[in-house]
């Protein structure tokens, strides 16, 4: 890493800085230290949530899965709201500081709920009909803690990464920061899924959540200590306002176009803009048409809710054209979300011992997916992509990467169904399907590694492919938002998975509270069918899509 230095401040940001020189690598340890602490804290509160709800709060297993999916959906959706707040109203520093404190409060509540007897129901055998459900007070404390946790993650996760990149002026330095940011994110997540979950399962839930409290407090303190070194920028306003202005202006001027003569198209200060908008989605073009009453008293024109530039109109068109492709990844995220949550329920019923003394926590199996993704990304970047370029003399395009990810995900769904079919066969062989909940199926939990590894490999293809596609094709004004679209996909996927589980549970007998009495394999085959149909929809979207902002890209319908 380069020696510590400060970066010069762009002139357009100078009024928002307290000093002429701030930022640079001096801020790096403060921001990365905060990322590590806050991610560890978030993992302590969410990585083992299903097990906590089932074993401590006496919540039925399928209900616990749905609560988990809703919370993880909030974890993915709320960061987008946090980024918009930081961009539009407050500086990133204050947003991160406030919501990091909110996160701390949530972990304190979870620690209290797991240690104070009046805040949790009496302990009982998992799934027993005699288990006492949580009281209204206990539910209130639990839901308040989970709501605060969602807000805490929402205000910090994306906002702190944007703030970190803002400390650097050179693109290569920003790239280096993002590399370390994601490395820290993955490292902290892996620690949460292993060490912290082990403490929660084997030692004490209070200690496990307490570790999260300490990590959160340290992360917040480290972040605040760097305040005098940070480069503080003013809120730039939400880019979505420009999109709304185009829609409003287009609607307002549609009738006016038939009766009043226009003064040509408005380009604003962009002298290099195209002379007129494209013919696609022509109903939006009238938003950029100048009329005499758009002229100000000094004879000039300016962007408003009545008049937009041609560039703003074309930006909205680009966004509309890419949305079908973006939507094709919603069900991809949904299937992955359902596998992640339902597999925890499988793990709770299986033999998870490694040797006579160590037992893998049920929530730790997700770490295999993270490790598979991290390792696969490295192999793809260093070996597969260069080999592809040598053999074909062309680079692997984003749409091709995403398509490969879709196919691998289908295989992961098939693998999940086959493993569950085998597990249920063992259940019937040993006559455990009518036994009380909590019976251990004599089948190694390591079988669950297979589906997680395949899912991780698939994510190594479609996740970077989506980031690259959205960053290339989104309008420049929405570049910072483009990468957040992945989080939006994940959030919608978790919410949709909750709806599918509820629908399956109401209309079939596949998902009873004791999965040994159900047909979880049928659910996985249903996910396979959904993934297959969704892949067909993705191919249809690629056939209609053409690259807009990347030079020399050809239509990839043949991909």
Protein backbone atom coordinates (compact mmCIF):
# COMPACT_ATOMS: atom_id res chain seq x y z
CA UNK A 1 0.00 0.00 0.00
CA UNK A 2 1.17 3.51 -0.73
CA UNK A 3 2.47 5.72 2.02
CA UNK A 4 -0.05 7.88 3.81
CA UNK A 5 -0.92 11.05 2.01
CA UNK A 6 -3.69 13.61 1.60
CA UNK A 7 -5.56 14.20 -1.59
CA UNK A 8 -6.32 17.56 -3.11
CA UNK A 9 -9.92 18.73 -2.93
CA UNK A 10 -11.90 19.28 -6.12
CA UNK A 11 -12.84 22.91 -6.58
CA UNK A 12 -16.56 22.19 -6.67
CA UNK A 13 -16.38 20.69 -3.20
CA UNK A 14 -14.20 23.39 -1.64
CA UNK A 15 -17.04 25.34 0.02
CA UNK A 16 -18.14 22.25 1.91
CA UNK A 17 -14.72 21.58 3.48
CA UNK A 18 -13.43 23.04 6.69
CA UNK A 19 -9.85 22.91 5.48
CA UNK A 20 -8.25 22.88 2.06
CA UNK A 21 -6.59 19.48 2.53
CA UNK A 22 -8.21 16.46 4.10
CA UNK A 23 -8.89 12.86 3.23
CA UNK A 24 -6.42 10.48 1.63
CA UNK A 25 -4.87 7.39 3.17
CA UNK A 26 -4.79 9.04 6.59
CA UNK A 27 -8.50 8.29 6.88
CA UNK A 28 -8.18 4.68 5.73
CA UNK A 29 -7.57 2.95 9.11
CA UNK A 30 -10.46 4.85 10.72
CA UNK A 31 -12.98 3.93 8.02
CA UNK A 32 -11.85 0.32 7.57
CA UNK A 33 -11.74 -0.14 11.35
CA UNK A 34 -15.31 1.13 11.54
CA UNK A 35 -16.38 -1.20 8.71
CA UNK A 36 -14.89 -4.18 10.55
CA UNK A 37 -16.56 -3.32 13.86
CA UNK A 38 -19.98 -2.48 12.41
CA UNK A 39 -20.03 -5.56 10.14
CA UNK A 40 -19.11 -7.84 13.04
CA UNK A 41 -21.91 -6.23 15.05
CA UNK A 42 -24.44 -6.68 12.24
CA UNK A 43 -23.39 -10.31 11.87
CA UNK A 44 -23.75 -10.94 15.59
CA UNK A 45 -27.35 -9.78 15.38
CA UNK A 46 -28.42 -11.47 12.14
CA UNK A 47 -26.19 -14.44 11.18
CA UNK A 48 -27.76 -16.81 13.70
CA UNK A 49 -31.18 -15.16 13.91
CA UNK A 50 -33.27 -18.19 12.90
CA UNK A 51 -31.66 -20.37 15.58
CA UNK A 52 -32.16 -17.61 18.19
CA UNK A 53 -35.84 -17.24 17.33
CA UNK A 54 -36.45 -21.00 17.43
CA UNK A 55 -34.35 -22.02 20.45
CA UNK A 56 -34.57 -18.94 22.70
CA UNK A 57 -37.79 -17.16 21.74
CA UNK A 58 -39.79 -20.40 21.10
CA UNK A 59 -41.02 -19.20 17.70
CA UNK A 60 -42.13 -21.91 15.27
CA UNK A 61 -39.47 -22.80 12.69
CA UNK A 62 -41.29 -21.63 9.53
CA UNK A 63 -42.40 -18.41 11.26
CA UNK A 64 -38.79 -17.85 12.33
CA UNK A 65 -37.68 -18.32 8.72
CA UNK A 66 -40.16 -15.71 7.53
CA UNK A 67 -39.09 -13.21 10.22
CA UNK A 68 -35.46 -13.82 9.26
CA UNK A 69 -36.19 -13.19 5.58
CA UNK A 70 -38.04 -9.95 6.35
CA UNK A 71 -35.17 -8.66 8.50
CA UNK A 72 -32.53 -9.61 5.92
CA UNK A 73 -34.69 -7.92 3.29
CA UNK A 74 -34.62 -4.76 5.40
CA UNK A 75 -30.84 -5.15 5.72
CA UNK A 76 -30.65 -4.93 1.92
CA UNK A 77 -33.31 -2.28 1.26
CA UNK A 78 -32.59 0.19 4.05
CA UNK A 79 -29.00 0.94 2.92
CA UNK A 80 -30.45 2.45 -0.25
CA UNK A 81 -32.59 4.78 1.85
CA UNK A 82 -29.52 5.61 3.94
CA UNK A 83 -27.55 6.48 0.81
CA UNK A 84 -30.36 8.73 -0.46
CA UNK A 85 -30.53 10.52 2.92
CA UNK A 86 -26.76 11.08 2.88
CA UNK A 87 -26.87 12.34 -0.72
CA UNK A 88 -29.91 14.57 -0.31
CA UNK A 89 -30.10 15.94 3.22
CA UNK A 90 -27.16 15.24 5.56
CA UNK A 91 -23.47 14.53 5.17
CA UNK A 92 -22.29 10.92 5.20
CA UNK A 93 -20.38 11.45 8.46
CA UNK A 94 -23.47 12.38 10.46
CA UNK A 95 -25.62 9.67 8.89
CA UNK A 96 -23.06 6.96 9.73
CA UNK A 97 -22.52 8.31 13.26
CA UNK A 98 -26.23 8.42 14.14
CA UNK A 99 -27.14 5.04 12.68
CA UNK A 100 -24.07 3.32 14.13
CA UNK A 101 -25.40 4.40 17.53
CA UNK A 102 -28.85 3.05 16.59
CA UNK A 103 -27.18 -0.27 15.74
CA UNK A 104 -25.52 -0.26 19.16
CA UNK A 105 -28.90 0.16 20.86
CA UNK A 106 -30.30 -2.81 18.94
CA UNK A 107 -27.53 -5.12 20.11
CA UNK A 108 -27.92 -3.96 23.70
CA UNK A 109 -31.62 -4.88 23.50
CA UNK A 110 -30.82 -8.32 22.02
CA UNK A 111 -28.26 -8.91 24.78
CA UNK A 112 -30.85 -8.02 27.41
CA UNK A 113 -33.51 -10.17 25.74
CA UNK A 114 -31.22 -13.20 25.79
CA UNK A 115 -30.10 -12.80 29.40
CA UNK A 116 -33.05 -11.38 31.38
CA UNK A 117 -35.64 -14.11 32.00
CA UNK A 118 -38.62 -11.75 31.92
CA UNK A 119 -37.71 -10.71 28.35
CA UNK A 120 -37.78 -14.26 26.92
CA UNK A 121 -40.11 -17.27 27.32
CA UNK A 122 -39.09 -20.33 29.40
CA UNK A 123 -36.67 -22.75 27.75
CA UNK A 124 -38.17 -25.91 26.22
CA UNK A 125 -37.47 -28.65 23.67
CA UNK A 126 -37.36 -27.32 20.11
CA UNK A 127 -40.75 -27.61 18.42
CA UNK A 128 -42.50 -29.09 21.45
CA UNK A 129 -46.23 -28.38 21.64
CA UNK A 130 -45.74 -27.45 25.30
CA UNK A 131 -43.42 -24.53 24.47
CA UNK A 132 -44.71 -21.22 25.80
CA UNK A 133 -44.97 -18.53 23.13
CA UNK A 134 -43.43 -15.09 23.78
CA UNK A 135 -45.60 -12.54 25.57
CA UNK A 136 -46.60 -9.21 24.06
CA UNK A 137 -43.80 -7.48 25.99
CA UNK A 138 -41.24 -10.02 24.80
CA UNK A 139 -42.40 -9.68 21.20
CA UNK A 140 -42.27 -5.88 21.51
CA UNK A 141 -38.66 -5.91 22.77
CA UNK A 142 -37.64 -8.41 20.07
CA UNK A 143 -39.24 -6.50 17.20
CA UNK A 144 -37.90 -3.18 18.47
CA UNK A 145 -34.38 -4.64 18.57
CA UNK A 146 -34.70 -6.05 15.05
CA UNK A 147 -36.14 -2.77 13.72
CA UNK A 148 -33.26 -0.79 15.23
CA UNK A 149 -30.78 -3.29 13.79
CA UNK A 150 -32.27 -2.82 10.31
CA UNK A 151 -32.07 0.96 10.63
CA UNK A 152 -28.49 0.71 11.89
CA UNK A 153 -27.35 -1.34 8.90
CA UNK A 154 -29.36 0.88 6.56
CA UNK A 155 -27.61 4.04 7.66
CA UNK A 156 -24.07 2.68 7.65
CA UNK A 157 -23.35 -0.09 5.14
CA UNK A 158 -23.44 1.80 1.81
CA UNK A 159 -22.98 5.26 3.25
CA UNK A 160 -19.62 4.47 4.85
CA UNK A 161 -18.32 2.93 1.62
CA UNK A 162 -19.30 6.05 -0.34
CA UNK A 163 -17.72 8.27 2.29
CA UNK A 164 -14.54 6.19 2.14
CA UNK A 165 -14.31 6.55 -1.65
CA UNK A 166 -14.92 10.31 -1.32
CA UNK A 167 -11.66 10.60 0.62
CA UNK A 168 -9.70 9.90 -2.57
CA UNK A 169 -9.46 11.85 -5.78
CA UNK A 170 -7.72 9.35 -8.08
CA UNK A 171 -9.82 6.49 -9.50
CA UNK A 172 -7.08 3.91 -8.84
CA UNK A 173 -6.99 4.93 -5.18
CA UNK A 174 -10.77 4.64 -4.99
CA UNK A 175 -10.50 1.18 -6.56
CA UNK A 176 -7.94 0.16 -3.97
CA UNK A 177 -10.20 1.38 -1.20
CA UNK A 178 -13.17 -0.60 -2.54
CA UNK A 179 -11.03 -3.74 -2.75
CA UNK A 180 -10.10 -3.40 0.92
CA UNK A 181 -13.68 -2.48 1.82
CA UNK A 182 -15.11 -5.68 0.32
CA UNK A 183 -12.26 -7.76 1.73
CA UNK A 184 -13.05 -6.40 5.20
CA UNK A 185 -16.77 -6.97 4.66
CA UNK A 186 -16.20 -10.62 3.70
CA UNK A 187 -13.68 -11.19 6.50
CA UNK A 188 -16.01 -9.77 9.16
CA UNK A 189 -18.94 -11.76 7.76
CA UNK A 190 -16.89 -14.97 7.88
CA UNK A 191 -15.94 -14.28 11.52
CA UNK A 192 -19.59 -13.66 12.37
CA UNK A 193 -20.70 -16.88 10.68
CA UNK A 194 -18.10 -18.96 12.51
CA UNK A 195 -16.63 -17.62 15.76
CA UNK A 196 -19.56 -15.50 16.96
CA UNK A 197 -22.16 -18.13 16.04
CA UNK A 198 -20.08 -20.76 17.86
CA UNK A 199 -20.08 -18.60 20.99
CA UNK A 200 -23.85 -18.10 20.74
CA UNK A 201 -24.58 -21.81 20.26
CA UNK A 202 -21.99 -23.35 22.57
CA UNK A 203 -21.29 -20.78 25.28
CA UNK A 204 -23.97 -18.14 25.75
CA UNK A 205 -26.35 -16.07 23.64
CA UNK A 206 -25.75 -13.13 25.94
CA UNK A 207 -21.99 -13.35 25.39
CA UNK A 208 -22.45 -13.70 21.63
CA UNK A 209 -24.60 -10.57 21.41
CA UNK A 210 -22.29 -8.88 23.93
CA UNK A 211 -19.36 -9.37 21.54
CA UNK A 212 -21.48 -7.55 18.94
CA UNK A 213 -22.05 -4.68 21.40
CA UNK A 214 -18.31 -4.33 22.00
CA UNK A 215 -17.50 -4.54 18.26
CA UNK A 216 -20.14 -1.92 17.47
CA UNK A 217 -18.90 0.42 20.20
CA UNK A 218 -15.28 0.09 19.05
CA UNK A 219 -16.27 0.62 15.40
CA UNK A 220 -18.24 3.76 16.26
CA UNK A 221 -15.43 5.12 18.45
CA UNK A 222 -12.80 4.51 15.75
CA UNK A 223 -15.01 6.22 13.18
CA UNK A 224 -15.55 9.29 15.38
CA UNK A 225 -11.82 9.55 16.15
CA UNK A 226 -11.14 10.18 12.47
CA UNK A 227 -13.52 13.14 12.18
CA UNK A 228 -10.83 15.80 11.95
CA UNK A 229 -9.12 13.94 9.09
CA UNK A 230 -12.18 13.31 6.93
CA UNK A 231 -13.05 15.15 3.76
CA UNK A 232 -16.66 16.34 4.36
CA UNK A 233 -18.84 16.99 1.32
CA UNK A 234 -22.20 18.72 1.09
CA UNK A 235 -25.29 16.70 0.16
CA UNK A 236 -25.59 16.78 -3.65
CA UNK A 237 -29.32 16.18 -3.89
CA UNK A 238 -31.11 13.03 -4.95
CA UNK A 239 -30.61 12.02 -8.62
CA UNK A 240 -34.14 10.59 -8.58
CA UNK A 241 -35.53 14.14 -8.56
CA UNK A 242 -34.28 14.54 -12.14
CA UNK A 243 -36.14 11.39 -13.17
CA UNK A 244 -39.34 12.64 -11.57
CA UNK A 245 -38.96 16.03 -13.32
CA UNK A 246 -38.77 14.36 -16.74
CA UNK A 247 -41.97 12.41 -16.12
CA UNK A 248 -43.84 15.46 -14.80
CA UNK A 249 -42.65 17.73 -17.62
CA UNK A 250 -43.54 15.12 -20.28
CA UNK A 251 -47.09 14.77 -18.93
CA UNK A 252 -47.57 18.53 -18.64
CA UNK A 253 -46.44 19.24 -22.20
CA UNK A 254 -48.18 16.47 -24.13
CA UNK A 255 -51.33 18.48 -24.85
CA UNK A 256 -49.41 21.71 -25.24
CA UNK A 257 -47.42 20.17 -28.11
CA UNK A 258 -50.52 20.06 -30.30
CA UNK A 259 -51.40 23.77 -30.03
CA UNK A 260 -48.18 25.75 -29.42
CA UNK A 261 -45.13 26.09 -31.64
CA UNK A 262 -41.92 24.82 -30.04
CA UNK A 263 -38.54 26.59 -29.81
CA UNK A 264 -36.42 23.45 -30.28
CA UNK A 265 -34.82 21.17 -27.70
CA UNK A 266 -33.17 22.32 -24.48
CA UNK A 267 -29.60 21.16 -23.78
CA UNK A 268 -28.69 23.26 -20.76
CA UNK A 269 -24.97 23.94 -20.40
CA UNK A 270 -23.94 20.75 -22.21
CA UNK A 271 -22.47 21.97 -25.50
CA UNK A 272 -21.52 18.40 -26.54
CA UNK A 273 -25.06 17.04 -26.21
CA UNK A 274 -26.79 15.36 -29.14
CA UNK A 275 -28.96 17.74 -31.16
CA UNK A 276 -32.23 15.88 -30.54
CA UNK A 277 -33.40 12.94 -28.42
CA UNK A 278 -33.69 9.42 -29.83
CA UNK A 279 -36.93 8.11 -31.32
CA UNK A 280 -37.44 5.38 -28.75
CA UNK A 281 -39.95 6.18 -26.00
CA UNK A 282 -40.84 9.36 -27.90
CA UNK A 283 -43.55 10.40 -25.45
CA UNK A 284 -40.75 11.52 -23.10
CA UNK A 285 -39.12 13.81 -25.67
CA UNK A 286 -41.59 16.64 -25.15
CA UNK A 287 -40.11 17.15 -21.65
CA UNK A 288 -37.06 18.71 -23.37
CA UNK A 289 -39.02 20.88 -25.83
CA UNK A 290 -38.73 24.62 -25.25
CA UNK A 291 -41.81 26.83 -25.43
CA UNK A 292 -42.02 30.57 -25.24
CA UNK A 293 -43.46 30.56 -21.74
CA UNK A 294 -40.45 28.47 -20.54
CA UNK A 295 -38.23 31.50 -21.16
CA UNK A 296 -37.22 33.45 -18.06
CA UNK A 297 -37.37 37.23 -17.81
CA UNK A 298 -33.71 37.55 -18.86
CA UNK A 299 -34.33 35.46 -21.98
CA UNK A 300 -32.59 32.32 -20.73
CA UNK A 301 -33.87 28.81 -20.01
CA UNK A 302 -33.17 26.56 -17.05
CA UNK A 303 -34.12 23.07 -15.90
CA UNK A 304 -37.34 22.91 -13.90
CA UNK A 305 -40.46 20.83 -13.41
CA UNK A 306 -41.61 22.26 -16.77
CA UNK A 307 -38.41 21.89 -18.80
CA UNK A 308 -35.67 19.23 -18.80
CA UNK A 309 -32.51 18.79 -20.84
CA UNK A 310 -32.16 16.24 -23.64
CA UNK A 311 -29.53 14.46 -21.54
CA UNK A 312 -31.98 14.05 -18.64
CA UNK A 313 -34.58 12.62 -21.01
CA UNK A 314 -32.07 10.15 -22.48
CA UNK A 315 -30.93 9.16 -18.99
CA UNK A 316 -34.47 8.17 -18.08
CA UNK A 317 -34.84 6.21 -21.33
CA UNK A 318 -31.65 4.30 -20.57
CA UNK A 319 -32.94 3.47 -17.11
CA UNK A 320 -36.26 2.21 -18.51
CA UNK A 321 -34.51 0.03 -21.09
CA UNK A 322 -32.32 -1.73 -18.54
CA UNK A 323 -35.08 -2.38 -15.99
CA UNK A 324 -36.35 -5.63 -17.62
CA UNK A 325 -32.83 -7.08 -17.35
CA UNK A 326 -32.62 -5.90 -13.75
CA UNK A 327 -35.99 -7.48 -12.96
CA UNK A 328 -34.80 -10.85 -14.29
CA UNK A 329 -32.49 -11.11 -11.28
CA UNK A 330 -35.28 -10.71 -8.70
CA UNK A 331 -36.30 -14.38 -8.81
CA UNK A 332 -32.63 -15.34 -8.90
CA UNK A 333 -32.21 -13.58 -5.55
CA UNK A 334 -35.48 -15.09 -4.29
CA UNK A 335 -34.38 -18.68 -4.87
CA UNK A 336 -31.02 -18.05 -3.16
CA UNK A 337 -32.74 -16.38 -0.19
CA UNK A 338 -35.07 -19.36 0.26
CA UNK A 339 -32.23 -21.88 0.07
CA UNK A 340 -30.19 -19.90 2.63
CA UNK A 341 -33.00 -19.80 5.18
CA UNK A 342 -34.53 -23.26 4.69
CA UNK A 343 -31.14 -24.95 4.80
CA UNK A 344 -30.68 -23.69 8.37
CA UNK A 345 -33.81 -25.64 9.29
CA UNK A 346 -32.35 -28.71 7.60
CA UNK A 347 -29.09 -28.31 9.51
CA UNK A 348 -30.94 -28.17 12.85
CA UNK A 349 -32.23 -31.72 12.22
CA UNK A 350 -28.95 -33.29 10.97
CA UNK A 351 -25.77 -34.65 12.53
CA UNK A 352 -23.42 -31.67 12.56
CA UNK A 353 -20.53 -33.21 14.50
CA UNK A 354 -16.94 -33.00 13.31
CA UNK A 355 -15.23 -35.49 15.55
CA UNK A 356 -16.43 -36.35 19.05
CA UNK A 357 -16.22 -32.85 20.54
CA UNK A 358 -16.98 -30.22 17.87
CA UNK A 359 -20.45 -29.51 16.47
CA UNK A 360 -20.91 -27.11 13.55
CA UNK A 361 -23.51 -24.43 14.44
CA UNK A 362 -26.51 -24.57 12.10
CA UNK A 363 -26.13 -20.93 11.11
CA UNK A 364 -22.45 -21.37 10.18
CA UNK A 365 -23.16 -23.37 7.03
CA UNK A 366 -23.70 -20.08 5.16
CA UNK A 367 -19.96 -19.42 5.43
CA UNK A 368 -19.35 -22.10 2.79
CA UNK A 369 -21.22 -19.95 0.26
CA UNK A 370 -19.16 -16.87 1.15
CA UNK A 371 -15.89 -18.79 0.91
CA UNK A 372 -16.91 -20.37 -2.40
CA UNK A 373 -17.79 -16.94 -3.82
CA UNK A 374 -14.53 -15.34 -2.67
CA UNK A 375 -12.35 -18.20 -3.98
CA UNK A 376 -14.28 -18.46 -7.25
CA UNK A 377 -14.02 -14.73 -7.95
CA UNK A 378 -10.24 -14.99 -7.57
CA UNK A 379 -10.03 -18.04 -9.87
CA UNK A 380 -12.32 -16.47 -12.47
CA UNK A 381 -10.41 -13.18 -12.46
CA UNK A 382 -6.92 -14.68 -12.57
CA UNK A 383 -7.40 -17.78 -14.71
CA UNK A 384 -10.75 -18.28 -16.44
CA UNK A 385 -11.20 -14.77 -17.90
CA UNK A 386 -7.62 -14.55 -19.30
CA UNK A 387 -8.03 -18.08 -20.74
CA UNK A 388 -11.35 -17.10 -22.33
CA UNK A 389 -9.75 -14.03 -23.93
CA UNK A 390 -6.89 -16.11 -25.33
CA UNK A 391 -9.23 -18.71 -26.81
CA UNK A 392 -11.89 -16.37 -28.21
CA UNK A 393 -9.92 -13.11 -28.52
CA UNK A 394 -12.85 -11.39 -26.84
CA UNK A 395 -13.58 -10.55 -23.23
CA UNK A 396 -16.45 -12.20 -21.37
CA UNK A 397 -19.27 -9.66 -21.42
CA UNK A 398 -21.42 -8.87 -18.36
CA UNK A 399 -24.53 -10.44 -19.88
CA UNK A 400 -22.63 -13.67 -20.49
CA UNK A 401 -21.35 -13.71 -16.91
CA UNK A 402 -24.85 -13.20 -15.54
CA UNK A 403 -26.22 -15.95 -17.80
CA UNK A 404 -23.61 -18.43 -16.55
CA UNK A 405 -24.60 -17.51 -13.00
CA UNK A 406 -28.27 -18.25 -13.79
CA UNK A 407 -27.38 -21.72 -15.14
CA UNK A 408 -25.20 -22.59 -12.14
CA UNK A 409 -27.99 -21.44 -9.82
CA UNK A 410 -30.37 -23.93 -11.48
CA UNK A 411 -27.90 -26.72 -10.72
CA UNK A 412 -27.74 -25.51 -7.10
CA UNK A 413 -31.54 -25.81 -6.82
CA UNK A 414 -31.39 -29.34 -8.24
CA UNK A 415 -28.63 -30.25 -5.77
CA UNK A 416 -30.69 -28.90 -2.86
CA UNK A 417 -33.69 -31.01 -3.91
CA UNK A 418 -31.59 -34.18 -4.23
CA UNK A 419 -29.95 -33.69 -0.83
CA UNK A 420 -33.33 -33.13 0.84
CA UNK A 421 -34.75 -36.20 -0.93
CA UNK A 422 -31.93 -38.25 0.58
CA UNK A 423 -32.47 -36.70 4.03
CA UNK A 424 -36.18 -37.57 3.98
CA UNK A 425 -35.36 -41.12 2.88
CA UNK A 426 -33.13 -41.48 5.95
CA UNK A 427 -35.94 -40.02 8.09
CA UNK A 428 -38.40 -42.63 6.85
CA UNK A 429 -35.87 -45.46 7.11
CA UNK A 430 -35.33 -44.69 10.81
CA UNK A 431 -39.03 -43.92 11.42
CA UNK A 432 -38.34 -40.35 12.53
CA UNK A 433 -41.13 -38.71 10.56
CA UNK A 434 -43.60 -39.10 13.42
CA UNK A 435 -41.11 -38.51 16.21
CA UNK A 436 -41.20 -35.37 18.40
CA UNK A 437 -39.35 -32.33 17.01
CA UNK A 438 -35.67 -32.20 17.88
CA UNK A 439 -34.81 -35.74 16.75
CA UNK A 440 -31.42 -35.92 15.04
CA UNK A 441 -31.42 -37.50 11.58
CA UNK A 442 -28.40 -39.85 11.22
CA UNK A 443 -27.09 -38.05 8.15
CA UNK A 444 -24.06 -35.77 8.09
CA UNK A 445 -24.79 -32.05 7.81
CA UNK A 446 -21.76 -31.76 5.52
CA UNK A 447 -24.08 -32.79 2.67
CA UNK A 448 -25.44 -29.24 2.85
CA UNK A 449 -22.04 -27.92 1.79
CA UNK A 450 -22.75 -29.04 -1.77
CA UNK A 451 -25.59 -26.62 -2.48
CA UNK A 452 -23.84 -23.72 -0.74
CA UNK A 453 -20.63 -24.23 -2.72
CA UNK A 454 -22.55 -24.35 -6.02
CA UNK A 455 -24.54 -21.23 -5.05
CA UNK A 456 -21.27 -19.47 -4.15
CA UNK A 457 -19.73 -20.32 -7.53
CA UNK A 458 -22.85 -19.00 -9.28
CA UNK A 459 -22.70 -15.76 -7.31
CA UNK A 460 -19.06 -15.34 -8.38
CA UNK A 461 -20.36 -15.07 -11.95
CA UNK A 462 -23.65 -13.19 -11.72
CA UNK A 463 -22.79 -10.79 -8.88
CA UNK A 464 -19.73 -9.11 -10.53
CA UNK A 465 -21.51 -9.31 -13.89
CA UNK A 466 -24.48 -7.36 -12.57
CA UNK A 467 -22.27 -4.75 -10.89
CA UNK A 468 -20.34 -4.23 -14.13
CA UNK A 469 -23.50 -4.08 -16.27
CA UNK A 470 -25.32 -1.57 -14.10
CA UNK A 471 -22.25 0.61 -13.63
CA UNK A 472 -21.65 0.70 -17.41
CA UNK A 473 -25.23 1.17 -18.52
CA UNK A 474 -26.79 3.38 -15.85
CA UNK A 475 -26.78 7.14 -16.53
CA UNK A 476 -23.76 8.97 -15.10
CA UNK A 477 -26.01 10.83 -12.68
CA UNK A 478 -27.02 7.48 -11.20
CA UNK A 479 -23.61 5.79 -11.14
CA UNK A 480 -23.43 5.82 -7.34
CA UNK A 481 -26.92 4.33 -7.19
CA UNK A 482 -26.20 1.67 -9.82
CA UNK A 483 -24.23 -0.57 -7.48
CA UNK A 484 -26.95 -0.22 -4.84
CA UNK A 485 -29.37 -1.88 -7.28
CA UNK A 486 -27.81 -5.22 -6.31
CA UNK A 487 -28.84 -4.62 -2.71
CA UNK A 488 -32.34 -3.72 -3.88
CA UNK A 489 -32.54 -7.03 -5.74
CA UNK A 490 -31.49 -8.96 -2.63
CA UNK A 491 -33.99 -7.10 -0.47
CA UNK A 492 -36.90 -7.75 -2.84
CA UNK A 493 -35.74 -11.37 -3.11
CA UNK A 494 -36.00 -11.86 0.65
CA UNK A 495 -39.47 -10.30 0.81
CA UNK A 496 -40.67 -12.37 -2.14
CA UNK A 497 -39.23 -15.53 -0.57
CA UNK A 498 -41.32 -14.80 2.54
CA UNK A 499 -44.45 -14.50 0.38
CA UNK A 500 -43.68 -17.76 -1.46
CA UNK A 501 -43.06 -19.67 1.78
CA UNK A 502 -46.33 -18.35 3.21
CA UNK A 503 -48.22 -19.28 0.05
CA UNK A 504 -46.75 -22.80 -0.03
CA UNK A 505 -47.47 -23.26 3.65
CA UNK A 506 -51.12 -22.22 3.27
CA UNK A 507 -51.87 -24.20 0.11
CA UNK A 508 -49.88 -27.41 0.71
CA UNK A 509 -48.65 -29.62 3.53
CA UNK A 510 -45.03 -29.36 2.43
CA UNK A 511 -43.83 -27.02 5.20
CA UNK A 512 -45.03 -28.08 8.66
CA UNK A 513 -43.18 -26.81 11.72
CA UNK A 514 -41.43 -30.19 11.91
CA UNK A 515 -39.84 -30.50 8.46
CA UNK A 516 -39.33 -34.25 9.02
CA UNK A 517 -43.10 -34.59 8.50
CA UNK A 518 -43.14 -32.40 5.37
CA UNK A 519 -41.89 -32.42 1.79
CA UNK A 520 -39.19 -29.78 1.68
CA UNK A 521 -37.80 -31.54 -1.38
CA UNK A 522 -40.94 -30.53 -3.29
CA UNK A 523 -40.26 -26.91 -2.32
CA UNK A 524 -36.73 -27.18 -3.73
CA UNK A 525 -38.05 -28.72 -6.97
CA UNK A 526 -40.49 -25.79 -7.16
CA UNK A 527 -37.51 -23.42 -6.82
CA UNK A 528 -35.77 -25.33 -9.62
CA UNK A 529 -38.77 -24.76 -11.90
CA UNK A 530 -38.88 -21.06 -10.94
CA UNK A 531 -35.15 -20.68 -11.66
CA UNK A 532 -35.53 -22.43 -15.04
CA UNK A 533 -38.48 -20.27 -16.15
CA UNK A 534 -36.70 -17.15 -14.91
CA UNK A 535 -33.63 -18.07 -16.99
CA UNK A 536 -35.88 -18.15 -20.07
CA UNK A 537 -37.15 -14.68 -19.16
CA UNK A 538 -33.53 -13.52 -18.80
CA UNK A 539 -32.67 -14.81 -22.29
CA UNK A 540 -35.68 -12.94 -23.69
CA UNK A 541 -34.49 -9.73 -22.01
CA UNK A 542 -30.96 -10.13 -23.39
CA UNK A 543 -32.36 -10.60 -26.89
CA UNK A 544 -34.11 -7.22 -26.69
CA UNK A 545 -31.27 -5.39 -24.93
CA UNK A 546 -28.52 -3.40 -26.61
CA UNK A 547 -25.59 -1.79 -24.84
CA UNK A 548 -26.03 1.98 -24.62
CA UNK A 549 -23.01 3.45 -22.84
CA UNK A 550 -20.25 0.98 -23.66
CA UNK A 551 -18.45 1.47 -26.94
CA UNK A 552 -18.01 -1.37 -29.42
CA UNK A 553 -20.40 -3.72 -27.60
CA UNK A 554 -22.62 -5.76 -29.83
CA UNK A 555 -26.05 -7.13 -29.18
CA UNK A 556 -25.63 -10.33 -27.20
CA UNK A 557 -28.81 -12.12 -28.10
CA UNK A 558 -26.64 -14.99 -29.41
CA UNK A 559 -24.90 -15.30 -26.04
